[in-house]
Amino acid sequence: MTDVAVGVLVQPDGRYLLAQRPEGKPYEGYWEFPGGKLEAGESVEVALTRELHEELGIEVTACERWRTLEHDYPHAYVRLYFCKVTAWSGEPVGREGQALAWQHLPADVTPLLPAAIPVLEWLAAEAV
């Protein structure tokens, strides 16, 4: 099992950030919520802060654990710790060459990474 910290960056108007997986990675071209693997001894929050800085160039200033999901991909079985990120400094930029898209529900980018689909359903349920 691989533990992964995932950031659901949410703007006050309800928009959320999706990133496109870069070339050469499994599921390249698919859209996902940004994040990455926990390193030995890291908490979810520390890993998320590190990953979002590395991938997007931002500094997380407010986040909370939100939901956990396990997903069995062909290349890995993952436990995803989704955290709502509601405040950060800096403007997100794809530092690994990945495209970024601020979205309103429903998402208008495709294809979506399979584990991202439940997150959109959770966001939609909270918006009701």
Protein backbone atom coordinates (compact mmCIF):
# COMPACT_ATOMS: atom_id res chain seq x y z
CA MET A 1 0.00 0.00 0.00
CA THR A 2 1.24 3.45 -0.93
CA ASP A 3 0.08 6.39 1.21
CA VAL A 4 -0.59 9.58 -0.73
CA ALA A 5 -1.44 13.11 0.46
CA VAL A 6 -3.80 14.88 -1.94
CA GLY A 7 -4.74 18.56 -1.96
CA VAL A 8 -8.21 19.73 -2.89
CA LEU A 9 -7.49 23.44 -3.36
CA VAL A 10 -10.79 25.28 -3.05
CA GLN A 11 -11.34 28.96 -3.81
CA PRO A 12 -14.01 31.01 -1.99
CA ASP A 13 -16.21 30.90 -5.14
CA GLY A 14 -16.15 27.08 -5.09
CA ARG A 15 -13.63 26.54 -7.88
CA TYR A 16 -11.16 23.71 -7.32
CA LEU A 17 -7.81 22.95 -8.92
CA LEU A 18 -7.06 19.96 -11.14
CA ALA A 19 -3.65 19.08 -12.57
CA GLN A 20 -2.91 17.00 -15.65
CA ARG A 21 -0.51 14.10 -15.07
CA PRO A 22 2.77 14.73 -16.91
CA GLU A 23 4.19 12.67 -19.73
CA GLY A 24 5.99 9.51 -18.65
CA LYS A 25 3.91 8.89 -15.50
CA PRO A 26 1.21 6.24 -15.19
CA TYR A 27 -2.08 7.63 -16.49
CA GLU A 28 -0.28 10.46 -18.30
CA GLY A 29 -2.71 13.07 -19.56
CA TYR A 30 -5.36 12.24 -16.96
CA TRP A 31 -6.59 15.01 -14.64
CA GLU A 32 -6.19 14.65 -10.88
CA PHE A 33 -6.02 16.56 -7.64
CA PRO A 34 -2.35 17.42 -6.92
CA GLY A 35 -0.29 15.70 -4.24
CA GLY A 36 2.14 12.88 -3.76
CA LYS A 37 3.54 10.04 -1.71
CA LEU A 38 4.30 10.34 1.96
CA GLU A 39 7.97 9.90 2.79
CA ALA A 40 9.10 7.91 5.82
CA GLY A 41 8.13 9.65 9.05
CA GLU A 42 6.02 12.35 7.38
CA SER A 43 2.51 13.25 8.48
CA VAL A 44 -0.13 13.74 5.81
CA GLU A 45 -0.05 17.50 6.34
CA VAL A 46 3.75 17.74 6.10
CA ALA A 47 3.80 15.59 2.95
CA LEU A 48 1.03 17.64 1.37
CA THR A 49 2.78 20.92 2.13
CA ARG A 50 6.02 19.58 0.63
CA GLU A 51 4.34 18.11 -2.46
CA LEU A 52 2.28 21.21 -3.24
CA HIS A 53 5.39 23.36 -2.92
CA GLU A 54 7.35 21.03 -5.24
CA GLU A 55 4.54 20.61 -7.80
CA LEU A 56 2.79 24.00 -7.70
CA GLY A 57 5.19 26.44 -6.03
CA ILE A 58 2.72 27.40 -3.30
CA GLU A 59 2.95 27.48 0.50
CA VAL A 60 -0.06 25.93 2.21
CA THR A 61 -1.33 28.08 5.08
CA ALA A 62 -4.64 26.32 5.88
CA CYS A 63 -5.64 22.73 5.26
CA GLU A 64 -7.65 20.03 6.99
CA ARG A 65 -7.93 16.31 6.46
CA TRP A 66 -11.21 15.67 4.72
CA ARG A 67 -11.69 12.13 3.39
CA THR A 68 -9.70 8.93 2.89
CA LEU A 69 -10.10 6.57 -0.05
CA GLU A 70 -8.32 3.38 -1.05
CA HIS A 71 -8.01 2.64 -4.76
CA ASP A 72 -6.49 -0.30 -6.61
CA TYR A 73 -4.73 0.93 -9.75
CA PRO A 74 -3.00 -1.59 -12.04
CA HIS A 75 0.41 -0.15 -11.04
CA ALA A 76 -0.25 0.45 -7.31
CA TYR A 77 -2.70 0.06 -4.44
CA VAL A 78 -3.01 3.49 -2.84
CA ARG A 79 -4.51 5.03 0.28
CA LEU A 80 -5.38 8.61 -0.59
CA TYR A 81 -5.67 11.19 2.18
CA PHE A 82 -7.68 14.05 0.70
CA CYS A 83 -7.18 17.37 2.43
CA LYS A 84 -9.14 20.53 1.74
CA VAL A 85 -6.70 23.37 1.21
CA THR A 86 -8.48 26.68 1.75
CA ALA A 87 -5.55 29.09 2.03
CA TRP A 88 -2.11 29.31 0.45
CA SER A 89 0.42 31.89 -0.60
CA GLY A 90 1.61 32.14 -4.18
CA GLU A 91 -0.12 31.38 -7.45
CA PRO A 92 -0.20 27.69 -8.47
CA VAL A 93 2.07 26.97 -11.43
CA GLY A 94 2.77 23.58 -13.03
CA ARG A 95 6.41 23.26 -11.97
CA GLU A 96 6.68 19.78 -13.53
CA GLY A 97 5.29 20.96 -16.88
CA GLN A 98 1.76 19.84 -16.01
CA ALA A 99 -1.30 21.79 -17.12
CA LEU A 100 -3.53 23.22 -14.38
CA ALA A 101 -7.22 24.06 -14.57
CA TRP A 102 -9.52 25.81 -12.09
CA GLN A 103 -12.89 24.09 -12.38
CA HIS A 104 -16.49 24.51 -11.30
CA LEU A 105 -18.70 21.44 -10.84
CA PRO A 106 -19.06 19.46 -13.00
CA ALA A 107 -15.48 19.21 -14.29
CA ASP A 108 -15.09 20.02 -17.97
CA VAL A 109 -11.65 18.43 -18.41
CA THR A 110 -11.21 14.78 -19.35
CA PRO A 111 -10.17 12.13 -18.78
CA LEU A 112 -10.32 12.16 -14.98
CA LEU A 113 -8.17 9.85 -12.91
CA PRO A 114 -10.55 7.20 -11.49
CA ALA A 115 -9.87 8.15 -7.85
CA ALA A 116 -10.73 11.80 -8.61
CA ILE A 117 -14.33 10.99 -9.53
CA PRO A 118 -15.54 10.31 -5.95
CA VAL A 119 -13.99 13.62 -4.85
CA LEU A 120 -16.14 15.50 -7.35
CA GLU A 121 -19.18 13.64 -6.00
CA TRP A 122 -18.25 14.63 -2.42
CA LEU A 123 -17.82 18.27 -3.46
CA ALA A 124 -21.18 18.20 -5.23
CA ALA A 125 -22.92 16.69 -2.19
CA GLU A 126 -21.49 19.43 0.05
CA ALA A 127 -22.64 22.13 -2.37
CA VAL A 128 -26.30 21.11 -2.03
